[in-house]
All heavy atoms as atom14 arrays in JSON, in Angstrom:
{
  "sequence": "CLASGFGFSKYTMSWYRQAPGKERELVATISESG",
  "atom14_mask": [
    [1, 1, 1, 1, 1, 1, 0, 0, 0, 0, 0, 0, 0, 0],
    [1, 1, 1, 1, 1, 1, 1, 1, 0, 0, 0, 0, 0, 0],
    [1, 1, 1, 1, 1, 0, 0, 0, 0, 0, 0, 0, 0, 0],
    [1, 1, 1, 1, 1, 1, 0, 0, 0, 0, 0, 0, 0, 0],
    [1, 1, 1, 1, 0, 0, 0, 0, 0, 0, 0, 0, 0, 0],
    [1, 1, 1, 1, 1, 1, 1, 1, 1, 1, 1, 0, 0, 0],
    [1, 1, 1, 1, 0, 0, 0, 0, 0, 0, 0, 0, 0, 0],
    [1, 1, 1, 1, 1, 1, 1, 1, 1, 1, 1, 0, 0, 0],
    [1, 1, 1, 1, 1, 1, 0, 0, 0, 0, 0, 0, 0, 0],
    [1, 1, 1, 1, 1, 1, 1, 1, 1, 0, 0, 0, 0, 0],
    [1, 1, 1, 1, 1, 1, 1, 1, 1, 1, 1, 1, 0, 0],
    [1, 1, 1, 1, 1, 1, 1, 0, 0, 0, 0, 0, 0, 0],
    [1, 1, 1, 1, 1, 1, 1, 1, 0, 0, 0, 0, 0, 0],
    [1, 1, 1, 1, 1, 1, 0, 0, 0, 0, 0, 0, 0, 0],
    [1, 1, 1, 1, 1, 1, 1, 1, 1, 1, 1, 1, 1, 1],
    [1, 1, 1, 1, 1, 1, 1, 1, 1, 1, 1, 1, 0, 0],
    [1, 1, 1, 1, 1, 1, 1, 1, 1, 1, 1, 0, 0, 0],
    [1, 1, 1, 1, 1, 1, 1, 1, 1, 0, 0, 0, 0, 0],
    [1, 1, 1, 1, 1, 0, 0, 0, 0, 0, 0, 0, 0, 0],
    [1, 1, 1, 1, 1, 1, 1, 0, 0, 0, 0, 0, 0, 0],
    [1, 1, 1, 1, 0, 0, 0, 0, 0, 0, 0, 0, 0, 0],
    [1, 1, 1, 1, 1, 1, 1, 1, 1, 0, 0, 0, 0, 0],
    [1, 1, 1, 1, 1, 1, 1, 1, 1, 0, 0, 0, 0, 0],
    [1, 1, 1, 1, 1, 1, 1, 1, 1, 1, 1, 0, 0, 0],
    [1, 1, 1, 1, 1, 1, 1, 1, 1, 0, 0, 0, 0, 0],
    [1, 1, 1, 1, 1, 1, 1, 1, 0, 0, 0, 0, 0, 0],
    [1, 1, 1, 1, 1, 1, 1, 0, 0, 0, 0, 0, 0, 0],
    [1, 1, 1, 1, 1, 0, 0, 0, 0, 0, 0, 0, 0, 0],
    [1, 1, 1, 1, 1, 1, 1, 0, 0, 0, 0, 0, 0, 0],
    [1, 1, 1, 1, 1, 1, 1, 1, 0, 0, 0, 0, 0, 0],
    [1, 1, 1, 1, 1, 1, 0, 0, 0, 0, 0, 0, 0, 0],
    [1, 1, 1, 1, 1, 1, 1, 1, 1, 0, 0, 0, 0, 0],
    [1, 1, 1, 1, 1, 1, 0, 0, 0, 0, 0, 0, 0, 0],
    [1, 1, 1, 1, 0, 0, 0, 0, 0, 0, 0, 0, 0, 0]
  ],
  "atom14_positions": [
    [[0.86, -1.18, 0.0], [0.0, 0.0, 0.0], [0.9, 1.22, 0.0], [1.58, 1.5, 1.0], [-0.92, 0.0, 1.22], [-1.83, 1.54, 1.46], [0.0, 0.0, 0.0], [0.0, 0.0, 0.0], [0.0, 0.0, 0.0], [0.0, 0.0, 0.0], [0.0, 0.0, 0.0], [0.0, 0.0, 0.0], [0.0, 0.0, 0.0], [0.0, 0.0, 0.0]],
    [[0.9, 1.95, -1.11], [1.69, 3.16, -1.23], [0.82, 4.36, -0.86], [-0.23, 4.58, -1.47], [2.23, 3.31, -2.65], [3.03, 4.59, -2.94], [4.27, 4.67, -2.08], [3.39, 4.65, -4.42], [0.0, 0.0, 0.0], [0.0, 0.0, 0.0], [0.0, 0.0, 0.0], [0.0, 0.0, 0.0], [0.0, 0.0, 0.0], [0.0, 0.0, 0.0]],
    [[1.26, 5.13, 0.13], [0.51, 6.27, 0.63], [1.15, 7.57, 0.19], [2.37, 7.68, 0.08], [0.43, 6.22, 2.16], [0.0, 0.0, 0.0], [0.0, 0.0, 0.0], [0.0, 0.0, 0.0], [0.0, 0.0, 0.0], [0.0, 0.0, 0.0], [0.0, 0.0, 0.0], [0.0, 0.0, 0.0], [0.0, 0.0, 0.0], [0.0, 0.0, 0.0]],
    [[0.31, 8.58, -0.03], [0.8, 9.91, -0.37], [-0.22, 10.95, 0.07], [-1.38, 10.65, 0.32], [1.07, 10.03, -1.88], [-0.12, 9.82, -2.63], [0.0, 0.0, 0.0], [0.0, 0.0, 0.0], [0.0, 0.0, 0.0], [0.0, 0.0, 0.0], [0.0, 0.0, 0.0], [0.0, 0.0, 0.0], [0.0, 0.0, 0.0], [0.0, 0.0, 0.0]],
    [[0.23, 12.18, 0.17], [-0.65, 13.28, 0.49], [-0.83, 13.56, 1.98], [-1.65, 14.41, 2.34], [0.0, 0.0, 0.0], [0.0, 0.0, 0.0], [0.0, 0.0, 0.0], [0.0, 0.0, 0.0], [0.0, 0.0, 0.0], [0.0, 0.0, 0.0], [0.0, 0.0, 0.0], [0.0, 0.0, 0.0], [0.0, 0.0, 0.0], [0.0, 0.0, 0.0]],
    [[-0.1, 12.86, 2.82], [-0.19, 13.1, 4.26], [1.07, 12.57, 4.93], [1.87, 11.88, 4.31], [-1.45, 12.46, 4.85], [-1.47, 10.96, 4.79], [-1.1, 10.19, 5.88], [-1.87, 10.3, 3.64], [-1.14, 8.8, 5.84], [-1.91, 8.92, 3.57], [-1.54, 8.17, 4.68], [0.0, 0.0, 0.0], [0.0, 0.0, 0.0], [0.0, 0.0, 0.0]],
    [[1.21, 12.91, 6.19], [2.36, 12.45, 6.97], [2.18, 11.01, 7.39], [1.64, 10.72, 8.46], [0.0, 0.0, 0.0], [0.0, 0.0, 0.0], [0.0, 0.0, 0.0], [0.0, 0.0, 0.0], [0.0, 0.0, 0.0], [0.0, 0.0, 0.0], [0.0, 0.0, 0.0], [0.0, 0.0, 0.0], [0.0, 0.0, 0.0], [0.0, 0.0, 0.0]],
    [[2.65, 10.1, 6.56], [2.38, 8.67, 6.73], [2.8, 8.16, 8.1], [2.08, 7.38, 8.73], [3.1, 7.91, 5.61], [2.93, 6.42, 5.67], [1.71, 5.84, 5.38], [3.99, 5.61, 5.99], [1.55, 4.47, 5.42], [3.86, 4.24, 6.03], [2.63, 3.67, 5.74], [0.0, 0.0, 0.0], [0.0, 0.0, 0.0], [0.0, 0.0, 0.0]],
    [[3.94, 8.58, 8.57], [4.48, 8.06, 9.82], [3.69, 8.5, 11.05], [3.92, 7.97, 12.14], [5.95, 8.49, 9.98], [6.05, 9.9, 10.12], [0.0, 0.0, 0.0], [0.0, 0.0, 0.0], [0.0, 0.0, 0.0], [0.0, 0.0, 0.0], [0.0, 0.0, 0.0], [0.0, 0.0, 0.0], [0.0, 0.0, 0.0], [0.0, 0.0, 0.0]],
    [[2.76, 9.42, 10.9], [1.97, 9.91, 12.02], [0.66, 9.15, 12.21], [-0.1, 9.47, 13.11], [1.66, 11.4, 11.84], [2.9, 12.29, 11.85], [2.51, 13.74, 11.73], [3.73, 14.65, 11.77], [3.35, 16.08, 11.66], [0.0, 0.0, 0.0], [0.0, 0.0, 0.0], [0.0, 0.0, 0.0], [0.0, 0.0, 0.0], [0.0, 0.0, 0.0]],
    [[0.41, 8.13, 11.38], [-0.88, 7.45, 11.41], [-0.74, 5.95, 11.58], [0.09, 5.31, 10.92], [-1.66, 7.72, 10.12], [-2.18, 9.13, 10.02], [-1.41, 10.14, 9.47], [-3.46, 9.44, 10.49], [-1.89, 11.44, 9.4], [-3.94, 10.73, 10.41], [-3.16, 11.73, 9.87], [-3.64, 13.01, 9.79], [0.0, 0.0, 0.0], [0.0, 0.0, 0.0]],
    [[-1.57, 5.41, 12.47], [-1.85, 3.99, 12.45], [-2.5, 3.62, 11.12], [-3.26, 4.41, 10.55], [-2.8, 3.64, 13.62], [-2.09, 3.8, 14.86], [-3.31, 2.21, 13.52], [0.0, 0.0, 0.0], [0.0, 0.0, 0.0], [0.0, 0.0, 0.0], [0.0, 0.0, 0.0], [0.0, 0.0, 0.0], [0.0, 0.0, 0.0], [0.0, 0.0, 0.0]],
    [[-2.2, 2.43, 10.61], [-2.74, 1.97, 9.33], [-3.31, 0.57, 9.48], [-2.91, -0.19, 10.37], [-1.66, 1.97, 8.26], [-1.06, 3.34, 7.95], [-2.21, 4.44, 7.09], [-2.4, 3.58, 5.52], [0.0, 0.0, 0.0], [0.0, 0.0, 0.0], [0.0, 0.0, 0.0], [0.0, 0.0, 0.0], [0.0, 0.0, 0.0], [0.0, 0.0, 0.0]],
    [[-4.23, 0.21, 8.58], [-4.91, -1.08, 8.65], [-5.08, -1.7, 7.27], [-5.1, -1.0, 6.26], [-6.29, -0.95, 9.29], [-6.21, -0.53, 10.64], [0.0, 0.0, 0.0], [0.0, 0.0, 0.0], [0.0, 0.0, 0.0], [0.0, 0.0, 0.0], [0.0, 0.0, 0.0], [0.0, 0.0, 0.0], [0.0, 0.0, 0.0], [0.0, 0.0, 0.0]],
    [[-5.2, -3.02, 7.27], [-5.66, -3.79, 6.11], [-7.04, -4.36, 6.42], [-7.26, -4.92, 7.5], [-4.71, -4.94, 5.78], [-3.43, -4.55, 5.13], [-2.22, -4.42, 5.72], [-3.24, -4.26, 3.74], [-1.27, -4.06, 4.79], [-1.87, -3.96, 3.57], [-4.07, -4.23, 2.63], [-1.32, -3.63, 2.33], [-3.54, -3.89, 1.4], [-2.18, -3.6, 1.26]],
    [[-7.95, -4.23, 5.46], [-9.25, -4.87, 5.49], [-9.38, -5.79, 4.3], [-8.63, -5.69, 3.33], [-10.37, -3.83, 5.42], [-10.72, -3.13, 6.71], [-9.91, -2.13, 7.22], [-11.88, -3.45, 7.4], [-10.24, -1.46, 8.39], [-12.22, -2.79, 8.57], [-11.4, -1.8, 9.06], [-11.73, -1.14, 10.22], [0.0, 0.0, 0.0], [0.0, 0.0, 0.0]],
    [[-10.37, -6.68, 4.35], [-10.7, -7.48, 3.18], [-12.21, -7.68, 3.12], [-12.91, -7.63, 4.13], [-9.99, -8.82, 3.19], [-10.43, -9.77, 4.29], [-9.57, -11.03, 4.28], [-9.99, -11.99, 5.29], [-9.35, -13.11, 5.58], [-8.24, -13.43, 4.89], [-9.8, -13.93, 6.52], [0.0, 0.0, 0.0], [0.0, 0.0, 0.0], [0.0, 0.0, 0.0]],
    [[-12.7, -7.93, 1.91], [-14.1, -8.2, 1.7], [-14.25, -9.31, 0.67], [-13.86, -9.14, -0.49], [-14.85, -6.95, 1.24], [-16.36, -7.14, 1.19], [-17.11, -5.83, 1.09], [-16.58, -4.84, 0.59], [-18.33, -5.81, 1.57], [0.0, 0.0, 0.0], [0.0, 0.0, 0.0], [0.0, 0.0, 0.0], [0.0, 0.0, 0.0], [0.0, 0.0, 0.0]],
    [[-14.82, -10.42, 1.11], [-15.08, -11.55, 0.25], [-16.47, -11.4, -0.38], [-17.32, -10.7, 0.16], [-14.99, -12.86, 1.03], [0.0, 0.0, 0.0], [0.0, 0.0, 0.0], [0.0, 0.0, 0.0], [0.0, 0.0, 0.0], [0.0, 0.0, 0.0], [0.0, 0.0, 0.0], [0.0, 0.0, 0.0], [0.0, 0.0, 0.0], [0.0, 0.0, 0.0]],
    [[-16.72, -12.08, -1.51], [-18.04, -11.98, -2.14], [-19.16, -12.37, -1.18], [-19.11, -13.42, -0.54], [-17.94, -12.97, -3.3], [-16.48, -13.04, -3.61], [-15.79, -12.91, -2.28], [0.0, 0.0, 0.0], [0.0, 0.0, 0.0], [0.0, 0.0, 0.0], [0.0, 0.0, 0.0], [0.0, 0.0, 0.0], [0.0, 0.0, 0.0], [0.0, 0.0, 0.0]],
    [[-20.15, -11.51, -1.07], [-21.29, -11.77, -0.21], [-21.04, -11.63, 1.27], [-21.92, -11.96, 2.07], [0.0, 0.0, 0.0], [0.0, 0.0, 0.0], [0.0, 0.0, 0.0], [0.0, 0.0, 0.0], [0.0, 0.0, 0.0], [0.0, 0.0, 0.0], [0.0, 0.0, 0.0], [0.0, 0.0, 0.0], [0.0, 0.0, 0.0], [0.0, 0.0, 0.0]],
    [[-19.87, -11.15, 1.66], [-19.51, -11.04, 3.06], [-19.3, -9.58, 3.45], [-19.09, -8.71, 2.6], [-18.22, -11.82, 3.36], [-18.26, -13.28, 2.95], [-19.24, -14.07, 3.78], [-19.18, -15.55, 3.41], [-20.15, -16.34, 4.19], [0.0, 0.0, 0.0], [0.0, 0.0, 0.0], [0.0, 0.0, 0.0], [0.0, 0.0, 0.0], [0.0, 0.0, 0.0]],
    [[-19.35, -9.33, 4.75], [-19.06, -8.0, 5.26], [-17.56, -7.74, 5.25], [-16.75, -8.67, 5.3], [-19.59, -7.86, 6.69], [-21.1, -7.87, 6.79], [-21.73, -6.67, 6.13], [-21.27, -5.54, 6.37], [-22.68, -6.86, 5.35], [0.0, 0.0, 0.0], [0.0, 0.0, 0.0], [0.0, 0.0, 0.0], [0.0, 0.0, 0.0], [0.0, 0.0, 0.0]],
    [[-17.2, -6.49, 5.16], [-15.8, -6.11, 5.21], [-15.22, -6.45, 6.58], [-15.84, -6.17, 7.62], [-15.64, -4.63, 4.9], [-14.2, -4.18, 4.72], [-14.13, -2.79, 4.11], [-14.65, -2.77, 2.75], [-14.59, -1.71, 1.94], [-14.04, -0.58, 2.36], [-15.1, -1.78, 0.73], [0.0, 0.0, 0.0], [0.0, 0.0, 0.0], [0.0, 0.0, 0.0]],
    [[-14.03, -7.03, 6.59], [-13.4, -7.55, 7.79], [-12.06, -6.88, 8.03], [-11.24, -6.76, 7.12], [-13.19, -9.07, 7.66], [-12.41, -9.72, 8.79], [-12.04, -11.16, 8.49], [-12.02, -11.54, 7.3], [-11.77, -11.92, 9.45], [0.0, 0.0, 0.0], [0.0, 0.0, 0.0], [0.0, 0.0, 0.0], [0.0, 0.0, 0.0], [0.0, 0.0, 0.0]],
    [[-11.82, -6.45, 9.26], [-10.52, -5.93, 9.64], [-9.54, -7.08, 9.74], [-9.74, -8.02, 10.52], [-10.6, -5.18, 10.96], [-9.29, -4.64, 11.54], [-8.64, -3.63, 10.6], [-9.53, -4.01, 12.91], [0.0, 0.0, 0.0], [0.0, 0.0, 0.0], [0.0, 0.0, 0.0], [0.0, 0.0, 0.0], [0.0, 0.0, 0.0], [0.0, 0.0, 0.0]],
    [[-8.46, -7.01, 8.98], [-7.47, -8.08, 8.93], [-6.31, -7.82, 9.88], [-5.9, -8.71, 10.64], [-6.93, -8.26, 7.49], [-5.8, -9.29, 7.45], [-8.06, -8.65, 6.56], [0.0, 0.0, 0.0], [0.0, 0.0, 0.0], [0.0, 0.0, 0.0], [0.0, 0.0, 0.0], [0.0, 0.0, 0.0], [0.0, 0.0, 0.0], [0.0, 0.0, 0.0]],
    [[-5.75, -6.62, 9.85], [-4.58, -6.3, 10.65], [-4.43, -4.81, 10.78], [-4.86, -4.04, 9.93], [-3.31, -6.91, 10.03], [0.0, 0.0, 0.0], [0.0, 0.0, 0.0], [0.0, 0.0, 0.0], [0.0, 0.0, 0.0], [0.0, 0.0, 0.0], [0.0, 0.0, 0.0], [0.0, 0.0, 0.0], [0.0, 0.0, 0.0], [0.0, 0.0, 0.0]],
    [[-3.78, -4.39, 11.87], [-3.52, -2.99, 12.15], [-2.09, -2.83, 12.65], [-1.58, -3.71, 13.36], [-4.51, -2.46, 13.21], [-5.84, -2.54, 12.71], [-4.21, -1.01, 13.57], [0.0, 0.0, 0.0], [0.0, 0.0, 0.0], [0.0, 0.0, 0.0], [0.0, 0.0, 0.0], [0.0, 0.0, 0.0], [0.0, 0.0, 0.0], [0.0, 0.0, 0.0]],
    [[-1.46, -1.74, 12.28], [-0.09, -1.48, 12.69], [0.04, -0.04, 13.19], [-0.53, 0.88, 12.6], [0.9, -1.77, 11.53], [2.35, -1.67, 12.0], [0.63, -0.86, 10.34], [3.34, -2.26, 11.02], [0.0, 0.0, 0.0], [0.0, 0.0, 0.0], [0.0, 0.0, 0.0], [0.0, 0.0, 0.0], [0.0, 0.0, 0.0], [0.0, 0.0, 0.0]],
    [[0.79, 0.14, 14.27], [0.96, 1.45, 14.87], [1.9, 2.32, 14.03], [2.53, 1.85, 13.08], [1.49, 1.32, 16.29], [2.77, 0.71, 16.3], [0.0, 0.0, 0.0], [0.0, 0.0, 0.0], [0.0, 0.0, 0.0], [0.0, 0.0, 0.0], [0.0, 0.0, 0.0], [0.0, 0.0, 0.0], [0.0, 0.0, 0.0], [0.0, 0.0, 0.0]],
    [[2.01, 3.57, 14.42], [2.77, 4.54, 13.63], [4.21, 4.13, 13.38], [4.74, 4.28, 12.27], [2.74, 5.91, 14.31], [1.37, 6.57, 14.33], [0.54, 6.21, 15.56], [0.75, 5.11, 16.13], [-0.31, 7.03, 15.95], [0.0, 0.0, 0.0], [0.0, 0.0, 0.0], [0.0, 0.0, 0.0], [0.0, 0.0, 0.0], [0.0, 0.0, 0.0]],
    [[4.86, 3.63, 14.42], [6.26, 3.23, 14.32], [6.43, 1.79, 13.85], [7.56, 1.36, 13.58], [6.95, 3.4, 15.67], [6.43, 2.49, 16.62], [0.0, 0.0, 0.0], [0.0, 0.0, 0.0], [0.0, 0.0, 0.0], [0.0, 0.0, 0.0], [0.0, 0.0, 0.0], [0.0, 0.0, 0.0], [0.0, 0.0, 0.0], [0.0, 0.0, 0.0]],
    [[5.35, 1.04, 13.79], [5.42, -0.37, 13.44], [5.65, -1.29, 14.62], [5.73, -2.5, 14.44], [0.0, 0.0, 0.0], [0.0, 0.0, 0.0], [0.0, 0.0, 0.0], [0.0, 0.0, 0.0], [0.0, 0.0, 0.0], [0.0, 0.0, 0.0], [0.0, 0.0, 0.0], [0.0, 0.0, 0.0], [0.0, 0.0, 0.0], [0.0, 0.0, 0.0]]
  ]
}
């Protein structure tokens, strides 16, 4: 995931996924420093 337009290191980030016919699911989250 390539980010631009903001101070990337200042934000927690997440991955989600959505399978066919399913609700969007939070997969993983990472803090600002990792």
